[in-house]
Amino acid sequence: MKKIILLTTLSIALLACSTKESDASLEQLISDKNVAALQTKKATLQAELAKIEDALAVLDVKKIEALVAIQTLKDTVFNHYLEVQGSVDTKENIVVQPEFSGTLTALYVKAGQRVTKGQILGKIDDAGMGQQLANIENQYALAKTTFERQKNLWDKKIGSEIQFLQAQAQMISAQKSVAQMKAQVAKTVVRAPFSGTIDEVFVERGEVVAPNPQGLMRIVNLSNMYVSTTVPETYIGKLKPGTEVAVFLTSLGKTYKGKVRQVANYINPNNRSFGIEVSVPNPDNLLRPNQVAKLKIIDYTNNNAIVVPTNVVQEDGQLQKFVFIATNVNGTSGIAKKVVVKVGKSSNNFTEILSGLSANDIIVTEGVNSIADGMKLNF
């Protein structure tokens, strides 16, 4: 603005300094419609104005030029993320309960020990059920022998059918008694329900145990971890099993690549959201149940997007979004040009440009607040 005012003032001064003869001559040229002479005078005045402009460029360079940073735009892949917070969990995290009440006669594991599914963790006193089982097994063996002999006789048409059927019933009854007693005795043996790690043991050998909230020990499998969270119902249809998710563990400072493995079919009427589960690999066994996780779920992708740093997008008095680009680039200088743009989604401090810019445009990325349309740029 100062430059324009100064140019105008100097131009007026030049004209004012002209002699009355010159004014008369100019009026005469216009009156005579002397085009050639008028063009000559115009060229003279333009040459003088150019000298003035060059002088100003030297004397006031700091006010008419700006030092900026630039960037050439290219097509790129733009992803928008839904960011939510979740909690790490595993379905294989339980407190082992005794199925039988009695004295814990043996304890074979300790905290931190790896166990496999079905491995014996401890034994409870069977209160004489082992001896009862032995007696029932003897009765079953006798009943089985009696039945086999009656069957051989019956096959030869010796004896009565009723004797054969009675022997068969006695054998079957004894067999069921053995199975029932074995099932009861088996409850005195504590086994691992799945492979995992003994996280903590709550009892000691010799204690009287029974089913209770504390249980015997906690066993955790850290190889099947997932993050559970809820998302707004507006994302129904956008999330499905297999959708990739970036899972950031704040306590570890690490990001894991997970995938949605389950999407709930129920909308919570209280907050209009639904639950999802995201499976997370745990190769280093650093994940633990109840850790806090931040999830970034891709909900929009543009494979050929033009994006700019969000901070370069400005808004004018007409509420139009605009950016500055560098035009007439020559080496390390150019001219600033204001370009009105239509913006899309923003993510990770970048904004998608839907219209107004194209690939190979050169945008101003630093110093945007100190420039104006038409200003000379240095970079």
Foldseek 3Di string as FASTA:
>chain_A
DVVVVVLVVVLVVVVVPDDPVVVVVVVVCVVVVVVVVVVVVVVVSVVVSVVVVVVCCVVPVVQQEAAFDKDFWFWAKDFAWDKDKWFKDFPQKDFFAQPDWAAFAFADDFAFDWDFFFAWGTFGDLVCLVVVLVVLVVQLVVLVVQLVVVVVCVVVVHDDPVSNVVSVVSNVVSVVVNVVSVVSRVSRTGGHNGTFGFHHADDDHGDTHHGDPNHGTIGDHLAWMKIKDKDALVCVVQADWFFWKWKAFPVVRDIFIWTWHDWDPDADPVRRITMTIITTGDPPSPDDGGGMIMMITGRDMDGTWTKDQLVQWDADPVRFTWGWFFPPDDPFKGFIAIWTFDWDDDDPRMTTTPDGDDGRTMTTRGPRVPDDHGRMYGD
